C-alpha atoms as a PDB file:
ATOM      1  CA  MET A   1       0.000   0.000   0.000  1.00  0.00           C
ATOM      2  CA  LYS A   2       1.304   3.453  -0.948  1.00  0.00           C
ATOM      3  CA  LEU A   3       0.762   6.082   1.749  1.00  0.00           C
ATOM      4  CA  ALA A   4       0.853   9.758   0.784  1.00  0.00           C
ATOM      5  CA  LEU A   5       1.680  12.127   3.644  1.00  0.00           C
ATOM      6  CA  LEU A   6       0.343  15.695   3.461  1.00  0.00           C
ATOM      7  CA  PHE A   7       1.823  18.408   5.694  1.00  0.00           C
ATOM      8  CA  PRO A   8      -0.064  21.677   6.329  1.00  0.00           C
ATOM      9  CA  GLY A   9       1.215  25.222   5.979  1.00  0.00           C
ATOM     10  CA  GLN A  10       0.514  28.594   7.519  1.00  0.00           C
ATOM     11  CA  GLY A  11      -3.138  29.104   8.413  1.00  0.00           C
ATOM     12  CA  SER A  12      -3.619  25.700  10.062  1.00  0.00           C
ATOM     13  CA  GLN A  13      -2.348  26.851  13.456  1.00  0.00           C
ATOM     14  CA  THR A  14      -4.491  26.924  16.601  1.00  0.00           C
ATOM     15  CA  VAL A  15      -3.510  27.675  20.175  1.00  0.00           C
ATOM     16  CA  GLY A  16      -3.102  24.361  22.002  1.00  0.00           C
ATOM     17  CA  MET A  17      -2.275  22.317  18.918  1.00  0.00           C
ATOM     18  CA  GLY A  18      -0.156  19.270  19.656  1.00  0.00           C
ATOM     19  CA  LYS A  19      -0.748  19.401  23.419  1.00  0.00           C
ATOM     20  CA  ASP A  20      -2.697  16.139  23.509  1.00  0.00           C
ATOM     21  CA  LEU A  21       0.115  14.358  21.638  1.00  0.00           C
ATOM     22  CA  TYR A  22       2.694  16.012  23.904  1.00  0.00           C
ATOM     23  CA  GLU A  23       0.973  14.750  27.038  1.00  0.00           C
ATOM     24  CA  LYS A  24       0.374  11.180  25.779  1.00  0.00           C
ATOM     25  CA  TYR A  25       3.335  10.242  23.584  1.00  0.00           C
ATOM     26  CA  PRO A  26       7.031  10.537  24.523  1.00  0.00           C
ATOM     27  CA  GLU A  27       7.998  10.899  20.848  1.00  0.00           C
ATOM     28  CA  ALA A  28       5.896  14.063  20.566  1.00  0.00           C
ATOM     29  CA  LYS A  29       7.150  15.411  23.888  1.00  0.00           C
ATOM     30  CA  GLU A  30      10.750  14.987  22.782  1.00  0.00           C
ATOM     31  CA  ILE A  31      10.211  16.913  19.532  1.00  0.00           C
ATOM     32  CA  ILE A  32       8.231  19.763  21.094  1.00  0.00           C
ATOM     33  CA  ASP A  33      10.702  20.090  23.978  1.00  0.00           C
ATOM     34  CA  LEU A  34      13.513  20.386  21.426  1.00  0.00           C
ATOM     35  CA  ALA A  35      11.757  23.432  20.000  1.00  0.00           C
ATOM     36  CA  GLY A  36      12.439  25.318  23.248  1.00  0.00           C
ATOM     37  CA  ASP A  37      10.347  26.709  26.084  1.00  0.00           C
ATOM     38  CA  GLU A  38       9.412  29.997  24.393  1.00  0.00           C
ATOM     39  CA  LEU A  39       7.947  28.374  21.282  1.00  0.00           C
ATOM     40  CA  LYS A  40       6.291  25.605  23.316  1.00  0.00           C
ATOM     41  CA  LYS A  41       4.552  28.207  25.489  1.00  0.00           C
ATOM     42  CA  ILE A  42       3.280  30.093  22.426  1.00  0.00           C
ATOM     43  CA  ILE A  43       2.038  26.835  20.827  1.00  0.00           C
ATOM     44  CA  PHE A  44       0.188  25.685  23.927  1.00  0.00           C
ATOM     45  CA  GLU A  45      -0.918  28.989  25.481  1.00  0.00           C
ATOM     46  CA  GLY A  46      -0.790  31.618  22.756  1.00  0.00           C
ATOM     47  CA  PRO A  47      -1.996  34.301  22.730  1.00  0.00           C
ATOM     48  CA  GLU A  48      -3.456  33.753  19.271  1.00  0.00           C
ATOM     49  CA  GLU A  49      -2.145  37.098  17.977  1.00  0.00           C
ATOM     50  CA  THR A  50       1.409  36.033  18.833  1.00  0.00           C
ATOM     51  CA  LEU A  51       0.991  32.569  17.304  1.00  0.00           C
ATOM     52  CA  LYS A  52      -0.302  34.215  14.096  1.00  0.00           C
ATOM     53  CA  MET A  53       2.942  36.170  13.654  1.00  0.00           C
ATOM     54  CA  THR A  54       4.840  34.576  10.757  1.00  0.00           C
ATOM     55  CA  LYS A  55       8.085  34.221  12.712  1.00  0.00           C
ATOM     56  CA  TYR A  56       6.270  32.073  15.300  1.00  0.00           C
ATOM     57  CA  THR A  57       3.610  30.440  13.128  1.00  0.00           C
ATOM     58  CA  GLN A  58       6.063  28.730  10.811  1.00  0.00           C
ATOM     59  CA  PRO A  59       8.288  27.008  13.412  1.00  0.00           C
ATOM     60  CA  ALA A  60       5.191  26.196  15.498  1.00  0.00           C
ATOM     61  CA  ILE A  61       3.422  24.343  12.682  1.00  0.00           C
ATOM     62  CA  PHE A  62       6.642  22.625  11.626  1.00  0.00           C
ATOM     63  CA  THR A  63       7.231  21.445  15.208  1.00  0.00           C
ATOM     64  CA  VAL A  64       3.711  20.113  15.766  1.00  0.00           C
ATOM     65  CA  SER A  65       3.665  18.437  12.345  1.00  0.00           C
ATOM     66  CA  MET A  66       6.947  16.651  13.039  1.00  0.00           C
ATOM     67  CA  ALA A  67       5.729  15.630  16.504  1.00  0.00           C
ATOM     68  CA  ALA A  68       2.640  14.103  14.875  1.00  0.00           C
ATOM     69  CA  PHE A  69       4.801  12.340  12.280  1.00  0.00           C
ATOM     70  CA  GLU A  70       7.076  10.823  14.935  1.00  0.00           C
ATOM     71  CA  VAL A  71       4.040   9.484  16.800  1.00  0.00           C
ATOM     72  CA  LEU A  72       2.579   8.025  13.599  1.00  0.00           C
ATOM     73  CA  LYS A  73       5.933   6.482  12.693  1.00  0.00           C
ATOM     74  CA  SER A  74       6.248   4.816  16.088  1.00  0.00           C
ATOM     75  CA  ASN A  75       2.760   3.289  15.852  1.00  0.00           C
ATOM     76  CA  ILE A  76       2.965   1.642  12.419  1.00  0.00           C
ATOM     77  CA  ASP A  77       5.480  -0.668  10.786  1.00  0.00           C
ATOM     78  CA  MET A  78       7.040   1.738   8.270  1.00  0.00           C
ATOM     79  CA  SER A  79       8.687  -1.124   6.384  1.00  0.00           C
ATOM     80  CA  LYS A  80       5.266  -2.449   5.320  1.00  0.00           C
ATOM     81  CA  TYR A  81       4.399   0.560   3.190  1.00  0.00           C
ATOM     82  CA  GLU A  82       5.654   2.648   0.322  1.00  0.00           C
ATOM     83  CA  PHE A  83       5.670   6.349   1.179  1.00  0.00           C
ATOM     84  CA  THR A  84       5.581   9.646  -0.609  1.00  0.00           C
ATOM     85  CA  ALA A  85       4.940  13.142   0.745  1.00  0.00           C
ATOM     86  CA  ALA A  86       4.089  16.746  -0.060  1.00  0.00           C
ATOM     87  CA  GLY A  87       3.678  19.847   2.068  1.00  0.00           C
ATOM     88  CA  HIS A  88       1.821  23.071   1.346  1.00  0.00           C
ATOM     89  CA  SER A  89       4.251  26.024   1.354  1.00  0.00           C
ATOM     90  CA  LEU A  90       5.847  25.912   4.832  1.00  0.00           C
ATOM     91  CA  GLY A  91       4.649  22.294   5.026  1.00  0.00           C
ATOM     92  CA  GLU A  92       7.197  21.378   2.363  1.00  0.00           C
ATOM     93  CA  TYR A  93       9.863  21.567   5.090  1.00  0.00           C
ATOM     94  CA  SER A  94       7.882  19.063   7.180  1.00  0.00           C
ATOM     95  CA  ALA A  95       7.545  16.760   4.172  1.00  0.00           C
ATOM     96  CA  LEU A  96      11.279  16.936   3.433  1.00  0.00           C
ATOM     97  CA  CYS A  97      12.145  16.347   7.084  1.00  0.00           C
ATOM     98  CA  SER A  98       9.816  13.330   7.262  1.00  0.00           C
ATOM     99  CA  ALA A  99      11.614  11.869   4.225  1.00  0.00           C
ATOM    100  CA  GLY A 100      15.011  12.364   5.852  1.00  0.00           C
ATOM    101  CA  PHE A 101      16.471  15.162   3.740  1.00  0.00           C
ATOM    102  CA  PHE A 102      17.480  16.876   7.019  1.00  0.00           C
ATOM    103  CA  SER A 103      17.089  16.529  10.794  1.00  0.00           C
ATOM    104  CA  PHE A 104      14.373  18.129  12.902  1.00  0.00           C
ATOM    105  CA  LYS A 105      16.973  20.385  14.521  1.00  0.00           C
ATOM    106  CA  ASP A 106      18.230  21.682  11.165  1.00  0.00           C
ATOM    107  CA  GLY A 107      14.691  21.931   9.820  1.00  0.00           C
ATOM    108  CA  LEU A 108      13.576  24.039  12.786  1.00  0.00           C
ATOM    109  CA  SER A 109      16.557  26.345  12.328  1.00  0.00           C
ATOM    110  CA  MET A 110      15.773  26.761   8.614  1.00  0.00           C
ATOM    111  CA  VAL A 111      12.081  27.351   9.239  1.00  0.00           C
ATOM    112  CA  LYS A 112      12.809  29.988  11.898  1.00  0.00           C
ATOM    113  CA  ALA A 113      15.086  31.790   9.449  1.00  0.00           C
ATOM    114  CA  ARG A 114      12.482  31.480   6.677  1.00  0.00           C
ATOM    115  CA  GLY A 115       9.794  32.994   8.890  1.00  0.00           C
ATOM    116  CA  GLU A 116      12.033  35.926   9.823  1.00  0.00           C
ATOM    117  CA  PHE A 117      13.090  36.556   6.217  1.00  0.00           C
ATOM    118  CA  ILE A 118       9.504  36.446   4.946  1.00  0.00           C
ATOM    119  CA  GLN A 119       8.449  38.844   7.709  1.00  0.00           C
ATOM    120  CA  LYS A 120      11.245  41.245   6.723  1.00  0.00           C
ATOM    121  CA  ALA A 121      10.306  41.035   3.049  1.00  0.00           C
ATOM    122  CA  SER A 122       6.643  41.629   3.928  1.00  0.00           C
ATOM    123  CA  ASP A 123       7.561  44.685   6.020  1.00  0.00           C
ATOM    124  CA  SER A 124       9.668  46.073   3.152  1.00  0.00           C
ATOM    125  CA  ASN A 125       7.096  45.246   0.467  1.00  0.00           C
ATOM    126  CA  PRO A 126       3.631  45.389   2.052  1.00  0.00           C
ATOM    127  CA  GLY A 127       1.025  43.543   0.071  1.00  0.00           C
ATOM    128  CA  ALA A 128      -2.119  41.486   0.136  1.00  0.00           C
ATOM    129  CA  MET A 129      -3.497  38.097  -0.853  1.00  0.00           C
ATOM    130  CA  ALA A 130      -6.967  37.042  -1.979  1.00  0.00           C
ATOM    131  CA  ALA A 131      -8.675  33.750  -2.757  1.00  0.00           C
ATOM    132  CA  ILE A 132     -10.571  33.633  -6.057  1.00  0.00           C
ATOM    133  CA  MET A 133     -13.268  30.945  -6.192  1.00  0.00           C
ATOM    134  CA  GLY A 134     -14.967  29.500  -9.233  1.00  0.00           C
ATOM    135  CA  MET A 135     -12.650  30.690 -11.999  1.00  0.00           C
ATOM    136  CA  GLU A 136     -10.322  28.819 -14.358  1.00  0.00           C
ATOM    137  CA  LYS A 137      -6.560  29.177 -14.051  1.00  0.00           C
ATOM    138  CA  ALA A 138      -6.155  31.028 -17.375  1.00  0.00           C
ATOM    139  CA  SER A 139      -8.874  33.528 -16.457  1.00  0.00           C
ATOM    140  CA  VAL A 140      -7.303  34.316 -13.089  1.00  0.00           C
ATOM    141  CA  GLU A 141      -3.870  34.748 -14.635  1.00  0.00           C
ATOM    142  CA  ASP A 142      -5.351  37.101 -17.257  1.00  0.00           C
ATOM    143  CA  ILE A 143      -7.061  39.153 -14.551  1.00  0.00           C
ATOM    144  CA  CYS A 144      -3.761  39.395 -12.624  1.00  0.00           C
ATOM    145  CA  LYS A 145      -2.046  40.800 -15.742  1.00  0.00           C
ATOM    146  CA  LYS A 146      -4.820  43.351 -16.263  1.00  0.00           C
ATOM    147  CA  ALA A 147      -4.760  44.392 -12.582  1.00  0.00           C
ATOM    148  CA  SER A 148      -0.991  44.804 -12.686  1.00  0.00           C
ATOM    149  CA  ALA A 149      -1.201  46.968 -15.812  1.00  0.00           C
ATOM    150  CA  GLU A 150      -4.050  49.132 -14.511  1.00  0.00           C
ATOM    151  CA  THR A 151      -2.338  49.954 -11.209  1.00  0.00           C
ATOM    152  CA  LEU A 152       0.906  50.992 -12.943  1.00  0.00           C
ATOM    153  CA  SER A 153       3.649  51.762 -10.367  1.00  0.00           C
ATOM    154  CA  GLN A 154       1.847  49.651  -7.757  1.00  0.00           C
ATOM    155  CA  GLY A 155       1.149  46.906 -10.242  1.00  0.00           C
ATOM    156  CA  VAL A 156       2.231  43.548  -8.926  1.00  0.00           C
ATOM    157  CA  CYS A 157      -0.451  40.862  -8.935  1.00  0.00           C
ATOM    158  CA  GLU A 158       0.261  37.168  -9.457  1.00  0.00           C
ATOM    159  CA  ALA A 159      -1.493  33.819  -9.058  1.00  0.00           C
ATOM    160  CA  VAL A 160       0.484  32.180  -6.245  1.00  0.00           C
ATOM    161  CA  ASN A 161      -1.456  29.188  -4.884  1.00  0.00           C
ATOM    162  CA  PHE A 162      -3.173  26.722  -7.200  1.00  0.00           C
ATOM    163  CA  ASN A 163      -4.931  24.922  -4.365  1.00  0.00           C
ATOM    164  CA  SER A 164      -7.661  23.002  -6.182  1.00  0.00           C
ATOM    165  CA  PRO A 165      -9.824  23.386  -9.285  1.00  0.00           C
ATOM    166  CA  GLY A 166     -11.760  26.590  -8.746  1.00  0.00           C
ATOM    167  CA  GLN A 167      -9.675  27.822  -5.802  1.00  0.00           C
ATOM    168  CA  ILE A 168      -6.719  30.024  -6.701  1.00  0.00           C
ATOM    169  CA  VAL A 169      -4.944  32.495  -4.410  1.00  0.00           C
ATOM    170  CA  ILE A 170      -3.445  35.694  -5.776  1.00  0.00           C
ATOM    171  CA  ALA A 171      -0.867  37.987  -4.169  1.00  0.00           C
ATOM    172  CA  GLY A 172       0.812  41.309  -4.816  1.00  0.00           C
ATOM    173  CA  THR A 173       0.610  44.974  -3.933  1.00  0.00           C
ATOM    174  CA  VAL A 174      -2.560  46.054  -2.135  1.00  0.00           C
ATOM    175  CA  ALA A 175      -3.784  48.239  -5.019  1.00  0.00           C
ATOM    176  CA  ALA A 176      -3.256  45.521  -7.622  1.00  0.00           C
ATOM    177  CA  VAL A 177      -4.879  42.761  -5.563  1.00  0.00           C
ATOM    178  CA  ASN A 178      -7.896  44.977  -4.843  1.00  0.00           C
ATOM    179  CA  LYS A 179      -8.181  45.733  -8.568  1.00  0.00           C
ATOM    180  CA  ALA A 180      -7.944  42.002  -9.401  1.00  0.00           C
ATOM    181  CA  VAL A 181     -10.734  41.215  -6.929  1.00  0.00           C
ATOM    182  CA  GLU A 182     -12.860  43.921  -8.566  1.00  0.00           C
ATOM    183  CA  LEU A 183     -12.155  42.486 -12.040  1.00  0.00           C
ATOM    184  CA  ALA A 184     -12.754  38.884 -10.940  1.00  0.00           C
ATOM    185  CA  THR A 185     -16.070  39.790  -9.338  1.00  0.00           C
ATOM    186  CA  ALA A 186     -17.168  41.586 -12.504  1.00  0.00           C
ATOM    187  CA  ALA A 187     -16.087  38.563 -14.570  1.00  0.00           C
ATOM    188  CA  GLY A 188     -18.349  36.243 -12.586  1.00  0.00           C
ATOM    189  CA  ALA A 189     -16.140  34.739  -9.897  1.00  0.00           C
ATOM    190  CA  MET A 190     -18.183  32.702  -7.453  1.00  0.00           C
ATOM    191  CA  LYS A 191     -16.499  34.377  -4.493  1.00  0.00           C
ATOM    192  CA  CYS A 192     -13.449  36.547  -3.731  1.00  0.00           C
ATOM    193  CA  VAL A 193     -11.991  36.788  -0.237  1.00  0.00           C
ATOM    194  CA  ILE A 194      -9.171  39.077   0.920  1.00  0.00           C
ATOM    195  CA  LEU A 195      -7.014  36.909   3.197  1.00  0.00           C
ATOM    196  CA  ASN A 196      -5.896  37.919   6.666  1.00  0.00           C
ATOM    197  CA  VAL A 197      -2.154  37.540   6.107  1.00  0.00           C
ATOM    198  CA  SER A 198       0.873  39.689   6.808  1.00  0.00           C
ATOM    199  CA  GLY A 199       2.347  39.774   3.313  1.00  0.00           C
ATOM    200  CA  PRO A 200       2.169  38.834  -0.387  1.00  0.00           C
ATOM    201  CA  PHE A 201       3.530  35.297   0.061  1.00  0.00           C
ATOM    202  CA  HIS A 202       4.898  33.342  -2.920  1.00  0.00           C
ATOM    203  CA  SER A 203       4.885  36.412  -5.144  1.00  0.00           C
ATOM    204  CA  SER A 204       7.885  38.129  -6.741  1.00  0.00           C
ATOM    205  CA  LEU A 205       7.701  40.652  -3.870  1.00  0.00           C
ATOM    206  CA  MET A 206       9.290  37.913  -1.742  1.00  0.00           C
ATOM    207  CA  SER A 207      12.514  37.910  -3.800  1.00  0.00           C
ATOM    208  CA  SER A 208      14.585  39.425  -0.972  1.00  0.00           C
ATOM    209  CA  ALA A 209      13.456  36.614   1.364  1.00  0.00           C
ATOM    210  CA  ALA A 210      14.444  34.050  -1.270  1.00  0.00           C
ATOM    211  CA  ASP A 211      17.904  35.640  -1.589  1.00  0.00           C
ATOM    212  CA  MET A 212      18.395  35.564   2.189  1.00  0.00           C
ATOM    213  CA  MET A 213      17.251  31.937   2.299  1.00  0.00           C
ATOM    214  CA  ALA A 214      19.772  30.998  -0.400  1.00  0.00           C
ATOM    215  CA  GLU A 215      22.532  32.318   1.871  1.00  0.00           C
ATOM    216  CA  GLU A 216      21.044  30.535   4.889  1.00  0.00           C
ATOM    217  CA  PHE A 217      21.083  27.167   3.115  1.00  0.00           C
ATOM    218  CA  LYS A 218      24.884  27.338   2.787  1.00  0.00           C
ATOM    219  CA  LYS A 219      25.042  26.393   6.482  1.00  0.00           C
ATOM    220  CA  TYR A 220      23.376  22.998   5.973  1.00  0.00           C
ATOM    221  CA  GLU A 221      24.121  19.639   4.399  1.00  0.00           C
ATOM    222  CA  PHE A 222      21.134  17.678   3.048  1.00  0.00           C
ATOM    223  CA  SER A 223      21.006  13.870   3.028  1.00  0.00           C
ATOM    224  CA  ALA A 224      19.685  11.230   0.643  1.00  0.00           C
ATOM    225  CA  PRO A 225      15.992  10.689   1.526  1.00  0.00           C
ATOM    226  CA  LYS A 226      14.094   7.511   2.391  1.00  0.00           C
ATOM    227  CA  PHE A 227      11.320   8.478  -0.053  1.00  0.00           C
ATOM    228  CA  GLY A 228      10.492  11.198  -2.563  1.00  0.00           C
ATOM    229  CA  VAL A 229       8.670  14.481  -1.996  1.00  0.00           C
ATOM    230  CA  TYR A 230       6.525  16.369  -4.509  1.00  0.00           C
ATOM    231  CA  THR A 231       7.870  19.919  -4.490  1.00  0.00           C
ATOM    232  CA  ASN A 232       5.686  23.037  -4.615  1.00  0.00           C
ATOM    233  CA  CYS A 233       7.455  24.975  -7.346  1.00  0.00           C
ATOM    234  CA  ASP A 234       7.104  22.288 -10.046  1.00  0.00           C
ATOM    235  CA  ALA A 235       4.850  19.518  -8.626  1.00  0.00           C
ATOM    236  CA  ALA A 236       7.659  17.057  -9.418  1.00  0.00           C
ATOM    237  CA  LEU A 237       8.724  14.050  -7.348  1.00  0.00           C
ATOM    238  CA  THR A 238      12.125  14.930  -5.898  1.00  0.00           C
ATOM    239  CA  LYS A 239      14.619  12.455  -4.465  1.00  0.00           C
ATOM    240  CA  ASP A 240      17.843  14.311  -5.253  1.00  0.00           C
ATOM    241  CA  SER A 241      19.117  16.186  -2.195  1.00  0.00           C
ATOM    242  CA  ALA A 242      21.437  18.234  -4.431  1.00  0.00           C
ATOM    243  CA  ILE A 243      18.559  20.189  -6.008  1.00  0.00           C
ATOM    244  CA  VAL A 244      16.234  20.590  -3.030  1.00  0.00           C
ATOM    245  CA  LYS A 245      17.809  23.805  -1.751  1.00  0.00           C
ATOM    246  CA  GLU A 246      17.349  25.446  -5.135  1.00  0.00           C
ATOM    247  CA  LYS A 247      13.687  24.380  -5.177  1.00  0.00           C
ATOM    248  CA  LEU A 248      13.099  25.712  -1.663  1.00  0.00           C
ATOM    249  CA  VAL A 249      14.572  29.079  -2.630  1.00  0.00           C
ATOM    250  CA  LYS A 250      12.355  29.211  -5.717  1.00  0.00           C
ATOM    251  CA  GLN A 251       9.322  28.195  -3.638  1.00  0.00           C
ATOM    252  CA  ILE A 252       9.422  31.427  -1.605  1.00  0.00           C
ATOM    253  CA  LYS A 253       8.874  33.658  -4.648  1.00  0.00           C
ATOM    254  CA  SER A 254       6.859  31.419  -6.983  1.00  0.00           C
ATOM    255  CA  ALA A 255       3.479  29.700  -7.105  1.00  0.00           C
ATOM    256  CA  VAL A 256       2.555  26.650  -5.044  1.00  0.00           C
ATOM    257  CA  LYS A 257       1.337  24.025  -7.509  1.00  0.00           C
ATOM    258  CA  TRP A 258      -0.664  22.087  -4.944  1.00  0.00           C
ATOM    259  CA  ASP A 259      -3.471  20.685  -7.074  1.00  0.00           C
ATOM    260  CA  GLU A 260      -0.960  19.397  -9.627  1.00  0.00           C
ATOM    261  CA  SER A 261       1.189  17.867  -6.876  1.00  0.00           C
ATOM    262  CA  VAL A 262      -1.776  15.957  -5.460  1.00  0.00           C
ATOM    263  CA  GLN A 263      -2.886  14.832  -8.911  1.00  0.00           C
ATOM    264  CA  ASN A 264       0.641  13.526  -9.535  1.00  0.00           C
ATOM    265  CA  MET A 265       0.552  11.630  -6.231  1.00  0.00           C
ATOM    266  CA  ILE A 266      -2.731  10.017  -7.265  1.00  0.00           C
ATOM    267  CA  SER A 267      -1.345   9.142 -10.704  1.00  0.00           C
ATOM    268  CA  SER A 268       1.685   7.526  -9.048  1.00  0.00           C
ATOM    269  CA  GLY A 269      -0.613   5.079  -7.234  1.00  0.00           C
ATOM    270  CA  ALA A 270      -1.048   6.667  -3.800  1.00  0.00           C
ATOM    271  CA  SER A 271      -3.948   4.773  -2.267  1.00  0.00           C
ATOM    272  CA  GLN A 272      -4.240   6.423   1.150  1.00  0.00           C
ATOM    273  CA  PHE A 273      -3.643  10.062   2.079  1.00  0.00           C
ATOM    274  CA  ILE A 274      -2.793  11.134   5.639  1.00  0.00           C
ATOM    275  CA  GLU A 275      -2.706  14.782   6.714  1.00  0.00           C
ATOM    276  CA  VAL A 276      -0.013  15.016   9.385  1.00  0.00           C
ATOM    277  CA  GLY A 277      -0.175  18.060  11.648  1.00  0.00           C
ATOM    278  CA  PRO A 278      -2.739  20.617  12.807  1.00  0.00           C
ATOM    279  CA  GLY A 279      -6.093  20.998  11.062  1.00  0.00           C
ATOM    280  CA  LYS A 280      -7.741  19.452   8.028  1.00  0.00           C
ATOM    281  CA  VAL A 281      -7.232  22.141   5.392  1.00  0.00           C
ATOM    282  CA  LEU A 282      -5.414  19.786   3.021  1.00  0.00           C
ATOM    283  CA  SER A 283      -8.016  17.054   3.542  1.00  0.00           C
ATOM    284  CA  GLY A 284     -10.629  19.506   2.275  1.00  0.00           C
ATOM    285  CA  LEU A 285      -8.529  20.431  -0.750  1.00  0.00           C
ATOM    286  CA  LEU A 286      -7.996  16.743  -1.550  1.00  0.00           C
ATOM    287  CA  ARG A 287     -11.759  16.199  -1.811  1.00  0.00           C
ATOM    288  CA  ARG A 288     -12.033  19.167  -4.203  1.00  0.00           C
ATOM    289  CA  ILE A 289      -9.183  17.823  -6.339  1.00  0.00           C
ATOM    290  CA  ASP A 290     -10.548  14.260  -6.470  1.00  0.00           C
ATOM    291  CA  LYS A 291     -13.922  13.485  -4.900  1.00  0.00           C
ATOM    292  CA  SER A 292     -13.076   9.769  -4.772  1.00  0.00           C
ATOM    293  CA  LYS A 293     -10.203  10.404  -2.340  1.00  0.00           C
ATOM    294  CA  LYS A 294     -10.449  11.040   1.369  1.00  0.00           C
ATOM    295  CA  ALA A 295      -7.647  11.780   3.807  1.00  0.00           C
ATOM    296  CA  LEU A 296      -7.069  10.390   7.252  1.00  0.00           C
ATOM    297  CA  ASN A 297      -5.283  12.721   9.661  1.00  0.00           C
ATOM    298  CA  VAL A 298      -3.021  12.805  12.700  1.00  0.00           C
ATOM    299  CA  GLU A 299      -3.303  15.844  14.961  1.00  0.00           C
ATOM    300  CA  ASP A 300      -4.225  14.305  18.343  1.00  0.00           C
ATOM    301  CA  SER A 301      -4.589  10.885  19.984  1.00  0.00           C
ATOM    302  CA  ALA A 302      -8.161  10.324  18.715  1.00  0.00           C
ATOM    303  CA  SER A 303      -7.282  11.003  15.069  1.00  0.00           C
ATOM    304  CA  LEU A 304      -4.104   8.933  15.429  1.00  0.00           C
ATOM    305  CA  GLU A 305      -6.052   5.900  16.655  1.00  0.00           C
ATOM    306  CA  LYS A 306      -8.593   6.211  13.809  1.00  0.00           C
ATOM    307  CA  THR A 307      -5.792   6.470  11.265  1.00  0.00           C
ATOM    308  CA  ILE A 308      -3.874   3.468  12.586  1.00  0.00           C
ATOM    309  CA  GLU A 309      -7.054   1.383  12.595  1.00  0.00           C
ATOM    310  CA  ALA A 310      -7.942   2.439   9.048  1.00  0.00           C
ATOM    311  CA  ILE A 311      -4.450   1.631   7.751  1.00  0.00           C
ATOM    312  CA  ARG A 312      -4.456  -1.795   9.367  1.00  0.00           C
ATOM    313  CA  THR A 313      -7.943  -2.564   8.078  1.00  0.00           C
ATOM    314  CA  ALA A 314      -6.896  -1.641   4.534  1.00  0.00           C
ATOM    315  CA  GLU A 315      -3.850  -3.940   4.527  1.00  0.00           C
END
């Protein structure tokens, strides 16, 4: 049986996430303790406004996701299954860590740096993001071009998250994103929602963060993985540790090809999907991408037990 692991990104965080796993499983406690007392306190106690800050959100989700993965790993016979993985944006680091490209300690250090660099880039280049529902990819991309042209000096608007058919996220300068929402609404979009985020993530406005991350990666050595990971920037299965850094740099300033990644996982024969970490955002996207697929999840002891039972039953 081929198990496909899905790791969530920013937006899936909640105060108290991972606490149940921390209290019941030594594997989870070890990981979360390694993250340090300050981050652990923010994860478990908040306040929510602090947890929502990019520099805390990213290492917090990475930590809880890896704690959940360690618990899952210790409760199933990994040798029985073929694995593959993908992570949405920040979640790509969790996916790569689960595959063995790098250690939790190095991953946490990289994610902390990434969060700080993205925050700096967002402060230097303030922007916005919006979700466009019910429009085709080509139509959204055309609207982004028109919005960019019409707002002239403030004209940066790009499609940055291809989450599922009919759900595309755009990002750019505030004026251009607002114009794109206006154009999309006039063109018959089912719904347009301005997102509550601190910057224009995955757009070209994040280029300075990508440059800083390229320098940061020089500190780390990546290893040969146990299984492949579908990478955000190209939706391709990646097993070569030599090219992962380059893909992670590109990921910061280019679109997340999530729907294509999931479709490629399905085409490769993935028979069971498991969302590992807080929330069920990716489980919802999976159903929109392919209604015949449903994801299990691991975010607390109850969901872990259901997942283990379902995997064993399907053997």
